[in-house]
Every structure is written in structure tokens, then in C-alpha cells.
Amino acid sequence: MLLAADDLVVSAPTDGAEWTAGAEHVVRWYLTGPIDPVDIHLVQRDGISTVTRAVLAEGLPSHETSVTVTVPGDTPAGEYMVLVTSQGLLDAYSRPFRITPA
């Protein structure tokens, strides 16, 4: 994978992955450029828009390219994406995946 200068790509979760509410899962990303710390958000797809359901991690050093997060146990089942954001300077979404009840 070739990244441009100041680029952010989420590599996990992958398309079609299935996560369980209340369980731990790994988020991975690739990042280039002088970027601020990153935050990890869990967003639910609602038609063509998204709704943030939880902040899974905050203020992670940008050079750390993965983190294990815990999905809140009360997260409703459905289709989700992970948003990796660098303080609003760079944002990238994962591929869609499903969350199932605990």
C-alpha cells in the first residue's frame, strides 16, 4: 500500500468483520505525515449518514498503529464503522462491519 504525504488509512476492522458487544477488538491504521494524536470513534451507519455511538480511545500517539478497544456491552446490533481521527486534521473510516449482541 502506498500512502501519500499526510495520509491516514484504516486497515482493521476489515469489510464484513463481525465484532461482539462487550468484547475486545483490534483497530489498525497507517499514517504518514506530522500528525497529532489520534482518537478512535465507533460510528453506526444510518442510511447515508453516521452517528457516533462511543469514543473507544483518545489521545493515542500517532506512531502507534494499532490499539485493542472494548466495544461497550450495551452497543445495539447493526452495521458500524470505526473512525480514526487526528484531531480533525485527517479522518479515515474503516470498511463496514457488524456488531452482534454479547
C-alpha atoms as a PDB file:
ATOM      1  CA  MET A   1       0.000   0.000   0.000  1.00  0.00           C
ATOM      2  CA  LEU A   2       1.412   3.379  -0.994  1.00  0.00           C
ATOM      3  CA  LEU A   3       0.461   6.368   1.114  1.00  0.00           C
ATOM      4  CA  ALA A   4       0.705   9.978   0.100  1.00  0.00           C
ATOM      5  CA  ALA A   5       2.124  12.642   2.394  1.00  0.00           C
ATOM      6  CA  ASP A   6      -0.279  13.329   5.262  1.00  0.00           C
ATOM      7  CA  ASP A   7      -2.405  10.246   4.659  1.00  0.00           C
ATOM      8  CA  LEU A   8      -4.451   8.078   7.029  1.00  0.00           C
ATOM      9  CA  VAL A   9      -5.899   4.646   6.179  1.00  0.00           C
ATOM     10  CA  VAL A  10      -7.772   2.246   8.496  1.00  0.00           C
ATOM     11  CA  SER A  11      -6.834  -1.391   7.808  1.00  0.00           C
ATOM     12  CA  ALA A  12      -8.833  -3.159  10.559  1.00  0.00           C
ATOM     13  CA  PRO A  13     -11.621  -3.892  11.090  1.00  0.00           C
ATOM     14  CA  THR A  14     -11.965  -5.282   7.594  1.00  0.00           C
ATOM     15  CA  ASP A  15     -15.000  -5.351   5.334  1.00  0.00           C
ATOM     16  CA  GLY A  16     -17.588  -7.771   6.682  1.00  0.00           C
ATOM     17  CA  ALA A  17     -15.885  -8.361  10.039  1.00  0.00           C
ATOM     18  CA  GLU A  18     -18.117  -9.232  12.971  1.00  0.00           C
ATOM     19  CA  TRP A  19     -17.500  -7.781  16.415  1.00  0.00           C
ATOM     20  CA  THR A  20     -19.308  -8.715  19.616  1.00  0.00           C
ATOM     21  CA  ALA A  21     -20.607  -6.059  22.015  1.00  0.00           C
ATOM     22  CA  GLY A  22     -18.695  -6.137  25.303  1.00  0.00           C
ATOM     23  CA  ALA A  23     -15.639  -7.814  23.739  1.00  0.00           C
ATOM     24  CA  GLU A  24     -12.149  -6.567  22.861  1.00  0.00           C
ATOM     25  CA  HIS A  25     -11.200  -5.976  19.235  1.00  0.00           C
ATOM     26  CA  VAL A  26      -8.172  -4.577  17.394  1.00  0.00           C
ATOM     27  CA  VAL A  27      -8.197  -1.377  15.331  1.00  0.00           C
ATOM     28  CA  ARG A  28      -5.237  -0.846  12.934  1.00  0.00           C
ATOM     29  CA  TRP A  29      -4.290   2.150  10.838  1.00  0.00           C
ATOM     30  CA  TYR A  30      -1.478   3.502   8.662  1.00  0.00           C
ATOM     31  CA  LEU A  31      -0.458   7.127   8.981  1.00  0.00           C
ATOM     32  CA  THR A  32       2.065   9.388   7.282  1.00  0.00           C
ATOM     33  CA  GLY A  33       2.991  12.985   7.929  1.00  0.00           C
ATOM     34  CA  PRO A  34       3.347  15.125  11.056  1.00  0.00           C
ATOM     35  CA  ILE A  35       0.011  14.319  12.652  1.00  0.00           C
ATOM     36  CA  ASP A  36      -1.411  14.957  16.117  1.00  0.00           C
ATOM     37  CA  PRO A  37      -2.582  12.169  18.426  1.00  0.00           C
ATOM     38  CA  VAL A  38      -5.458  10.054  17.161  1.00  0.00           C
ATOM     39  CA  ASP A  39      -8.875   9.247  18.593  1.00  0.00           C
ATOM     40  CA  ILE A  40     -10.943   6.153  17.763  1.00  0.00           C
ATOM     41  CA  HIS A  41     -14.728   6.501  17.431  1.00  0.00           C
ATOM     42  CA  LEU A  42     -17.368   3.827  16.905  1.00  0.00           C
ATOM     43  CA  VAL A  43     -19.938   5.101  14.422  1.00  0.00           C
ATOM     44  CA  GLN A  44     -23.163   3.451  13.350  1.00  0.00           C
ATOM     45  CA  ARG A  45     -24.348   3.735   9.794  1.00  0.00           C
ATOM     46  CA  ASP A  46     -27.809   5.241   9.472  1.00  0.00           C
ATOM     47  CA  GLY A  47     -28.628   5.340   5.771  1.00  0.00           C
ATOM     48  CA  ILE A  48     -26.112   7.702   4.197  1.00  0.00           C
ATOM     49  CA  SER A  49     -25.173   9.352   7.493  1.00  0.00           C
ATOM     50  CA  THR A  50     -23.330   8.151  10.588  1.00  0.00           C
ATOM     51  CA  VAL A  51     -23.937   8.534  14.322  1.00  0.00           C
ATOM     52  CA  THR A  52     -21.118   8.332  16.871  1.00  0.00           C
ATOM     53  CA  ARG A  53     -22.044   5.656  19.430  1.00  0.00           C
ATOM     54  CA  ALA A  54     -18.838   5.638  21.517  1.00  0.00           C
ATOM     55  CA  VAL A  55     -15.329   7.016  21.774  1.00  0.00           C
ATOM     56  CA  LEU A  56     -13.210   3.875  22.042  1.00  0.00           C
ATOM     57  CA  ALA A  57      -9.825   5.562  22.602  1.00  0.00           C
ATOM     58  CA  GLU A  58      -8.473   9.116  22.834  1.00  0.00           C
ATOM     59  CA  GLY A  59      -5.123  10.844  22.516  1.00  0.00           C
ATOM     60  CA  LEU A  60      -3.184   7.873  21.167  1.00  0.00           C
ATOM     61  CA  PRO A  61       0.313   8.640  19.850  1.00  0.00           C
ATOM     62  CA  SER A  62       0.009   8.726  16.059  1.00  0.00           C
ATOM     63  CA  HIS A  63       3.027   6.422  15.603  1.00  0.00           C
ATOM     64  CA  GLU A  64       1.143   3.629  17.417  1.00  0.00           C
ATOM     65  CA  THR A  65      -0.598   1.951  14.514  1.00  0.00           C
ATOM     66  CA  SER A  66      -2.935  -0.336  16.433  1.00  0.00           C
ATOM     67  CA  VAL A  67      -4.922  -0.467  19.643  1.00  0.00           C
ATOM     68  CA  THR A  68      -7.147  -3.001  21.357  1.00  0.00           C
ATOM     69  CA  VAL A  69     -10.517  -1.469  22.228  1.00  0.00           C
ATOM     70  CA  THR A  70     -13.558  -2.726  24.106  1.00  0.00           C
ATOM     71  CA  VAL A  71     -16.959  -2.288  22.491  1.00  0.00           C
ATOM     72  CA  PRO A  72     -19.465  -1.131  25.131  1.00  0.00           C
ATOM     73  CA  GLY A  73     -21.680  -4.020  26.192  1.00  0.00           C
ATOM     74  CA  ASP A  74     -24.875  -2.061  25.532  1.00  0.00           C
ATOM     75  CA  THR A  75     -23.993  -1.295  21.883  1.00  0.00           C
ATOM     76  CA  PRO A  76     -27.001  -2.169  19.717  1.00  0.00           C
ATOM     77  CA  ALA A  77     -26.525  -4.712  16.946  1.00  0.00           C
ATOM     78  CA  GLY A  78     -26.106  -3.286  13.471  1.00  0.00           C
ATOM     79  CA  GLU A  79     -23.704  -2.038  10.842  1.00  0.00           C
ATOM     80  CA  TYR A  80     -20.815   0.096  12.053  1.00  0.00           C
ATOM     81  CA  MET A  81     -17.526   1.657  11.042  1.00  0.00           C
ATOM     82  CA  VAL A  82     -14.535   2.812  13.059  1.00  0.00           C
ATOM     83  CA  LEU A  83     -13.440   6.418  12.582  1.00  0.00           C
ATOM     84  CA  VAL A  84      -9.773   7.169  13.227  1.00  0.00           C
ATOM     85  CA  THR A  85      -9.345  10.918  13.515  1.00  0.00           C
ATOM     86  CA  SER A  86      -6.299  13.060  14.106  1.00  0.00           C
ATOM     87  CA  GLN A  87      -7.871  15.994  15.932  1.00  0.00           C
ATOM     88  CA  GLY A  88      -9.964  16.739  12.830  1.00  0.00           C
ATOM     89  CA  LEU A  89      -6.920  17.215  10.575  1.00  0.00           C
ATOM     90  CA  LEU A  90      -7.156  13.772   8.999  1.00  0.00           C
ATOM     91  CA  ASP A  91     -10.110  11.402   9.251  1.00  0.00           C
ATOM     92  CA  ALA A  92     -10.457   7.871   7.914  1.00  0.00           C
ATOM     93  CA  TYR A  93     -13.209   5.283   8.232  1.00  0.00           C
ATOM     94  CA  SER A  94     -12.839   1.516   8.330  1.00  0.00           C
ATOM     95  CA  ARG A  95     -14.776  -0.689   5.981  1.00  0.00           C
ATOM     96  CA  PRO A  96     -18.305  -1.521   7.225  1.00  0.00           C
ATOM     97  CA  PHE A  97     -18.610  -4.328   9.767  1.00  0.00           C
ATOM     98  CA  ARG A  98     -21.319  -5.740  12.038  1.00  0.00           C
ATOM     99  CA  ILE A  99     -21.699  -5.709  15.792  1.00  0.00           C
ATOM    100  CA  THR A 100     -23.666  -8.533  17.373  1.00  0.00           C
ATOM    101  CA  PRO A 101     -25.076  -8.676  20.927  1.00  0.00           C
ATOM    102  CA  ALA A 102     -22.986 -10.156  23.739  1.00  0.00           C
END
